[in-house]
Each structure stands twice: as structure tokens, then as C-alpha cells.
Amino acid sequence: MKILFKFRLYFLALWLLTIPVFLYAQTDPLENRSAAEEIETLLNTKAVTYAQASRFVLEAANVLAVNDPEEAFNYAVMQGWLPGKAAADDPARLDFISLLIMRSFDIKGGIMYSIVKTQTAFAAHYAYRELTYKNVIQKRSDPAMLVSGERLLFFVNRQLGRMEAGN
């Protein structure tokens, strides 16, 4: 009985947290179908690529709105928000997605993040720790794990919620 209650509670929480993402997709009637299709594609993706993540995160952060995921990926790499050795179609690791979210949303980090900000690999590790501390990343996770589309949507939605709340 408790397990069923917890499942329903988690489902309700996830559903409530994804509402702003779906509302964001409804803002421009000319692009409704493509944004909705992108969200559906992300929800069905077991491991997003760096290009998919870049395109979605950069647009959600109002940094860069392009239709080509490769272009968004190249922009993120040129800014130093993703590792230079990564390919656009490589599966995205959580630590580098954390760095992409931190930098694209211009989130100020802790002292260690500030010290290693220019070193992408170290900055990614501390970005992961910072987003875990700020409760954007929840549950059990590993910085080297691959990010599913559902988790990416969850992380971006949590960050948008934090911004809306003024945190």
C-alpha cells in the first residue's frame, strides 16, 4: 500500500514539474508542433546526445534559439560549456550536462566551482555537485552516468522553477 502511494506521489510530482516545460512549448503557435515533437522525442530517448541537450538547454535558457542541434552543440563547445573532445552524437554524461546547465543559465557556483571554472573537466564535476546541492539533480546519481531525455527535461524544469521562485 505504501509503495503504491509513493509511486502515485512521485508520478504526481513529476507531472506537476513538467507542466512549465509543456506550457513553454505552447508559447508560439507556429512552432507548437516542432517543440512538442522535440519534447516527445526527448521523453522517449534513453540517452540524449550532446547535440540534443545543447539545443534544448540553450533554448530553455534563452541563450541561443536554433533549429539545428549541431549548431547549438558547436556554440556550447566554443563557449567552453562542453568538452572539446566530445562529439555531437556522443551520449551525454551528467557532469557535462550539469556544466552546460550551470553556464547557460548563468548559475553562480560555490568556491571550488569558481576556482576551476576554466578547466572544463573539473568544472563539470563541481557543476554536478552544485546542482545536486541546489536540488536540481535529485535521487541517486553518478556524474559519469548517461542522461535520459526524461531526466534532462526534469533538470531544466527544476532550474526554470528555481529561477521563477527567485533562487
Protein backbone atom coordinates (compact mmCIF):
# COMPACT_ATOMS: atom_id res chain seq x y z
CA MET A 1 0.00 0.00 0.00
CA LYS A 2 2.82 2.41 0.90
CA ILE A 3 4.65 1.60 -2.34
CA LEU A 4 1.56 2.41 -4.41
CA PHE A 5 1.13 5.69 -2.52
CA LYS A 6 4.79 6.62 -3.09
CA PHE A 7 4.52 5.73 -6.78
CA ARG A 8 1.45 7.93 -7.16
CA LEU A 9 3.15 10.73 -5.25
CA TYR A 10 6.28 10.56 -7.43
CA PHE A 11 4.17 10.41 -10.59
CA LEU A 12 2.14 13.44 -9.47
CA ALA A 13 5.30 15.37 -8.57
CA LEU A 14 6.93 14.58 -11.93
CA TRP A 15 3.76 15.52 -13.74
CA LEU A 16 3.48 18.84 -11.88
CA LEU A 17 7.13 19.61 -12.53
CA THR A 18 6.81 19.04 -16.27
CA ILE A 19 3.85 21.38 -16.72
CA PRO A 20 6.04 24.50 -17.23
CA VAL A 21 8.02 22.68 -19.94
CA PHE A 22 4.84 21.82 -21.79
CA LEU A 23 3.49 25.35 -21.36
CA TYR A 24 6.77 26.69 -22.71
CA ALA A 25 6.26 24.51 -25.78
CA GLN A 26 2.88 26.16 -26.35
CA THR A 27 4.12 29.76 -26.50
CA ASP A 28 4.47 30.14 -30.29
CA PRO A 29 1.63 28.63 -32.37
CA LEU A 30 3.86 28.36 -35.44
CA GLU A 31 6.36 26.21 -33.58
CA ASN A 32 3.95 24.20 -31.40
CA ARG A 33 4.29 21.00 -33.32
CA SER A 34 8.07 21.06 -33.53
CA ALA A 35 8.53 21.88 -29.82
CA ALA A 36 6.00 19.24 -28.80
CA GLU A 37 7.69 16.73 -31.08
CA GLU A 38 11.08 17.61 -29.59
CA ILE A 39 9.77 17.05 -26.05
CA GLU A 40 8.18 13.77 -27.09
CA THR A 41 11.44 12.68 -28.71
CA LEU A 42 13.37 13.60 -25.57
CA LEU A 43 10.92 11.71 -23.36
CA ASN A 44 11.47 8.59 -25.47
CA THR A 45 15.27 8.87 -25.51
CA LYS A 46 17.20 6.63 -23.13
CA ALA A 47 20.44 8.63 -23.52
CA VAL A 48 20.40 12.11 -25.07
CA THR A 49 23.28 13.25 -27.23
CA TYR A 50 25.28 16.38 -26.54
CA ALA A 51 23.68 17.99 -29.60
CA GLN A 52 20.12 17.27 -28.38
CA ALA A 53 20.94 18.50 -24.89
CA SER A 54 22.67 21.64 -26.19
CA ARG A 55 19.75 22.58 -28.42
CA PHE A 56 17.19 22.12 -25.64
CA VAL A 57 19.14 23.67 -22.75
CA LEU A 58 20.37 26.69 -24.71
CA GLU A 59 16.89 27.49 -25.94
CA ALA A 60 15.33 26.99 -22.49
CA ALA A 61 17.93 29.38 -21.05
CA ASN A 62 17.24 31.95 -23.81
CA VAL A 63 20.88 31.82 -24.87
CA LEU A 64 20.54 30.52 -28.42
CA ALA A 65 17.43 29.51 -30.37
CA VAL A 66 18.35 27.44 -33.41
CA ASN A 67 16.68 24.52 -35.13
CA ASP A 68 19.93 22.68 -35.80
CA PRO A 69 21.22 20.71 -32.79
CA GLU A 70 24.72 20.61 -34.34
CA GLU A 71 24.84 24.40 -34.38
CA ALA A 72 23.81 24.55 -30.71
CA PHE A 73 26.43 21.92 -29.86
CA ASN A 74 29.16 23.87 -31.70
CA TYR A 75 28.16 27.05 -29.87
CA ALA A 76 28.34 25.28 -26.48
CA VAL A 77 31.78 23.82 -27.31
CA MET A 78 33.10 27.21 -28.48
CA GLN A 79 31.90 28.78 -25.22
CA GLY A 80 33.69 26.07 -23.23
CA TRP A 81 30.41 24.76 -21.84
CA LEU A 82 31.06 21.24 -23.18
CA PRO A 83 34.33 19.35 -23.55
CA GLY A 84 36.13 19.93 -26.83
CA LYS A 85 36.78 16.21 -27.26
CA ALA A 86 33.06 15.36 -27.23
CA ALA A 87 31.23 14.67 -30.49
CA ALA A 88 27.74 15.98 -31.17
CA ASP A 89 26.24 12.49 -31.32
CA ASP A 90 28.03 11.12 -28.23
CA PRO A 91 25.74 10.15 -25.33
CA ALA A 92 25.71 12.98 -22.79
CA ARG A 93 27.20 12.47 -19.32
CA LEU A 94 25.54 14.03 -16.29
CA ASP A 95 28.56 16.04 -15.19
CA PHE A 96 28.89 17.78 -18.56
CA ILE A 97 25.13 18.36 -18.77
CA SER A 98 25.42 19.94 -15.31
CA LEU A 99 28.14 22.25 -16.60
CA LEU A 100 26.01 23.14 -19.65
CA ILE A 101 23.06 23.98 -17.39
CA MET A 102 25.21 25.98 -14.94
CA ARG A 103 26.83 28.05 -17.66
CA SER A 104 23.82 28.56 -19.93
CA PHE A 105 21.59 29.65 -17.05
CA ASP A 106 24.49 31.68 -15.60
CA ILE A 107 24.27 29.99 -12.20
CA LYS A 108 26.84 31.10 -9.68
CA GLY A 109 28.61 28.17 -8.08
CA GLY A 110 30.47 27.56 -4.87
CA ILE A 111 34.11 28.33 -4.17
CA MET A 112 35.53 25.19 -5.81
CA TYR A 113 33.44 25.73 -8.94
CA SER A 114 34.68 29.31 -9.10
CA ILE A 115 38.32 28.25 -8.72
CA VAL A 116 38.25 25.63 -11.50
CA LYS A 117 35.79 27.43 -13.77
CA THR A 118 38.15 27.50 -16.77
CA GLN A 119 39.07 23.81 -16.58
CA THR A 120 36.12 22.04 -18.20
CA ALA A 121 36.61 18.57 -16.66
CA PHE A 122 37.00 19.85 -13.10
CA ALA A 123 34.30 22.48 -13.56
CA ALA A 124 31.90 19.77 -14.76
CA HIS A 125 32.45 17.78 -11.57
CA TYR A 126 31.79 20.79 -9.35
CA ALA A 127 28.83 21.84 -11.51
CA TYR A 128 27.32 18.42 -10.85
CA ARG A 129 27.92 18.83 -7.11
CA GLU A 130 26.46 22.35 -7.15
CA LEU A 131 23.28 21.28 -8.96
CA THR A 132 22.92 18.38 -6.53
CA TYR A 133 23.30 20.80 -3.63
CA LYS A 134 20.74 23.18 -5.17
CA ASN A 135 18.37 20.22 -5.56
CA VAL A 136 18.17 20.48 -9.35
CA ILE A 137 19.62 16.97 -9.56
CA GLN A 138 17.73 14.66 -7.26
CA LYS A 139 17.76 11.00 -6.31
CA ARG A 140 20.73 8.72 -6.66
CA SER A 141 23.02 9.73 -9.46
CA ASP A 142 26.58 9.45 -10.65
CA PRO A 143 28.41 12.22 -12.52
CA ALA A 144 29.52 9.72 -15.20
CA MET A 145 26.04 8.34 -15.85
CA LEU A 146 24.29 8.96 -19.15
CA VAL A 147 21.35 11.35 -19.10
CA SER A 148 17.95 10.23 -20.38
CA GLY A 149 15.63 12.66 -22.10
CA GLU A 150 13.23 12.48 -19.17
CA ARG A 151 15.98 13.44 -16.72
CA LEU A 152 17.13 16.31 -18.96
CA LEU A 153 13.60 17.69 -19.04
CA PHE A 154 13.39 17.28 -15.27
CA PHE A 155 16.67 19.14 -14.65
CA VAL A 156 15.78 22.03 -16.95
CA ASN A 157 12.32 22.24 -15.45
CA ARG A 158 13.75 22.29 -11.91
CA GLN A 159 16.12 25.11 -12.90
CA LEU A 160 13.33 27.10 -14.54
CA GLY A 161 11.28 26.62 -11.36
CA ARG A 162 14.20 27.83 -9.23
CA MET A 163 14.54 30.93 -11.41
CA GLU A 164 10.83 31.61 -11.19
CA ALA A 165 10.98 31.32 -7.40
CA GLY A 166 13.92 33.73 -7.33
CA ASN A 167 16.59 31.25 -6.14
